[in-house]
């Protein structure tokens, strides 16, 4: 992206949990297990 998007968002969300998924634009199709794991971790809080 050319900049640190997580750093920009931390100004509004200091408890931001930033995770990356190694895939392209269609995350749910290209890396369904990684996306599901991230969503489960988020919802388990």
N, C-alpha and C. Protein backbone atom coordinates (compact mmCIF):
# COMPACT_ATOMS: atom_id res chain seq x y z
N UNK A 1 0.81 -1.20 0.00
CA UNK A 1 0.00 0.00 0.00
C UNK A 1 0.85 1.26 0.00
N UNK A 2 2.06 1.15 0.45
CA UNK A 2 2.91 2.32 0.48
C UNK A 2 2.89 3.07 1.80
N UNK A 3 2.06 2.64 2.73
CA UNK A 3 2.02 3.26 4.06
C UNK A 3 1.54 2.21 5.06
N UNK A 4 1.67 2.50 6.33
CA UNK A 4 1.27 1.58 7.39
C UNK A 4 -0.18 1.85 7.77
N UNK A 5 -1.11 1.11 7.16
CA UNK A 5 -2.54 1.33 7.40
C UNK A 5 -2.90 1.08 8.86
N UNK A 6 -2.29 0.10 9.49
CA UNK A 6 -2.59 -0.17 10.90
C UNK A 6 -2.22 1.01 11.78
N UNK A 7 -1.12 1.67 11.49
CA UNK A 7 -0.71 2.84 12.27
C UNK A 7 -1.72 3.97 12.12
N UNK A 8 -2.26 4.15 10.93
CA UNK A 8 -3.27 5.18 10.70
C UNK A 8 -4.52 4.87 11.51
N UNK A 9 -4.98 3.61 11.49
CA UNK A 9 -6.20 3.23 12.21
C UNK A 9 -6.02 3.29 13.72
N UNK A 10 -4.80 3.08 14.22
CA UNK A 10 -4.58 3.11 15.67
C UNK A 10 -4.91 4.47 16.29
N UNK A 11 -4.92 5.51 15.49
CA UNK A 11 -5.31 6.83 16.01
C UNK A 11 -6.76 6.81 16.48
N UNK A 12 -7.59 5.99 15.87
CA UNK A 12 -9.01 5.89 16.25
C UNK A 12 -9.32 4.62 17.03
N UNK A 13 -8.47 3.63 16.91
CA UNK A 13 -8.71 2.35 17.58
C UNK A 13 -7.41 1.89 18.25
N UNK A 14 -7.11 2.42 19.44
CA UNK A 14 -5.84 2.11 20.09
C UNK A 14 -5.66 0.62 20.42
N UNK A 15 -6.76 -0.13 20.51
CA UNK A 15 -6.65 -1.56 20.79
C UNK A 15 -6.73 -2.41 19.53
N UNK A 16 -6.42 -1.82 18.40
CA UNK A 16 -6.46 -2.50 17.11
C UNK A 16 -5.60 -3.75 17.11
N UNK A 17 -6.15 -4.84 16.62
CA UNK A 17 -5.41 -6.09 16.45
C UNK A 17 -5.24 -6.30 14.96
N UNK A 18 -4.06 -6.02 14.46
CA UNK A 18 -3.79 -6.09 13.02
C UNK A 18 -3.21 -7.44 12.66
N UNK A 19 -3.85 -8.10 11.70
CA UNK A 19 -3.35 -9.38 11.20
C UNK A 19 -3.34 -9.34 9.68
N UNK A 20 -2.36 -9.97 9.08
CA UNK A 20 -2.32 -10.06 7.63
C UNK A 20 -2.61 -11.49 7.20
N UNK A 21 -3.20 -11.61 6.02
CA UNK A 21 -3.48 -12.91 5.44
C UNK A 21 -2.74 -12.94 4.09
N UNK A 22 -1.91 -13.92 3.91
CA UNK A 22 -1.09 -14.01 2.70
C UNK A 22 -1.90 -14.46 1.50
N UNK A 23 -2.59 -13.54 0.89
CA UNK A 23 -3.38 -13.85 -0.30
C UNK A 23 -3.67 -12.57 -1.05
N UNK A 24 -4.49 -12.67 -2.07
CA UNK A 24 -4.85 -11.51 -2.87
C UNK A 24 -6.11 -10.84 -2.38
N UNK A 25 -6.86 -10.29 -3.30
CA UNK A 25 -8.05 -9.50 -2.97
C UNK A 25 -9.21 -10.34 -2.45
N UNK A 26 -9.37 -11.55 -2.92
CA UNK A 26 -10.50 -12.40 -2.53
C UNK A 26 -10.10 -13.32 -1.38
N UNK A 27 -9.94 -12.73 -0.20
CA UNK A 27 -9.41 -13.46 0.95
C UNK A 27 -10.21 -14.70 1.31
N UNK A 28 -11.53 -14.61 1.34
CA UNK A 28 -12.35 -15.74 1.76
C UNK A 28 -12.24 -16.91 0.79
N UNK A 29 -11.95 -16.64 -0.47
CA UNK A 29 -11.80 -17.71 -1.46
C UNK A 29 -10.37 -18.25 -1.51
N UNK A 30 -9.40 -17.37 -1.34
CA UNK A 30 -8.00 -17.75 -1.49
C UNK A 30 -7.39 -18.33 -0.21
N UNK A 31 -7.86 -17.90 0.94
CA UNK A 31 -7.31 -18.37 2.21
C UNK A 31 -8.43 -18.52 3.24
N UNK A 32 -9.40 -19.40 2.98
CA UNK A 32 -10.56 -19.50 3.88
C UNK A 32 -10.20 -19.89 5.31
N UNK A 33 -9.24 -20.77 5.49
CA UNK A 33 -8.88 -21.20 6.85
C UNK A 33 -8.28 -20.04 7.64
N UNK A 34 -7.43 -19.25 7.02
CA UNK A 34 -6.81 -18.12 7.71
C UNK A 34 -7.84 -17.05 8.06
N UNK A 35 -8.77 -16.80 7.14
CA UNK A 35 -9.81 -15.80 7.39
C UNK A 35 -10.73 -16.28 8.52
N UNK A 36 -11.11 -17.54 8.48
CA UNK A 36 -11.97 -18.09 9.52
C UNK A 36 -11.28 -18.04 10.88
N UNK A 37 -10.02 -18.36 10.92
CA UNK A 37 -9.26 -18.32 12.18
C UNK A 37 -9.22 -16.89 12.73
N UNK A 38 -8.98 -15.91 11.87
CA UNK A 38 -8.94 -14.52 12.33
C UNK A 38 -10.30 -14.06 12.84
N UNK A 39 -11.36 -14.43 12.15
CA UNK A 39 -12.71 -14.06 12.59
C UNK A 39 -13.08 -14.73 13.91
N UNK A 40 -12.73 -15.99 14.05
CA UNK A 40 -13.02 -16.69 15.31
C UNK A 40 -12.26 -16.05 16.48
N UNK A 41 -11.02 -15.68 16.24
CA UNK A 41 -10.23 -15.02 17.29
C UNK A 41 -10.86 -13.69 17.68
N UNK A 42 -11.34 -12.95 16.69
CA UNK A 42 -11.96 -11.65 16.95
C UNK A 42 -13.25 -11.83 17.76
N UNK A 43 -14.08 -12.78 17.35
CA UNK A 43 -15.38 -12.97 18.00
C UNK A 43 -15.28 -13.65 19.36
N UNK A 44 -14.17 -14.30 19.64
CA UNK A 44 -13.99 -14.99 20.92
C UNK A 44 -13.62 -14.04 22.05
N UNK A 45 -13.35 -12.80 21.73
CA UNK A 45 -12.95 -11.83 22.76
C UNK A 45 -14.07 -11.47 23.66
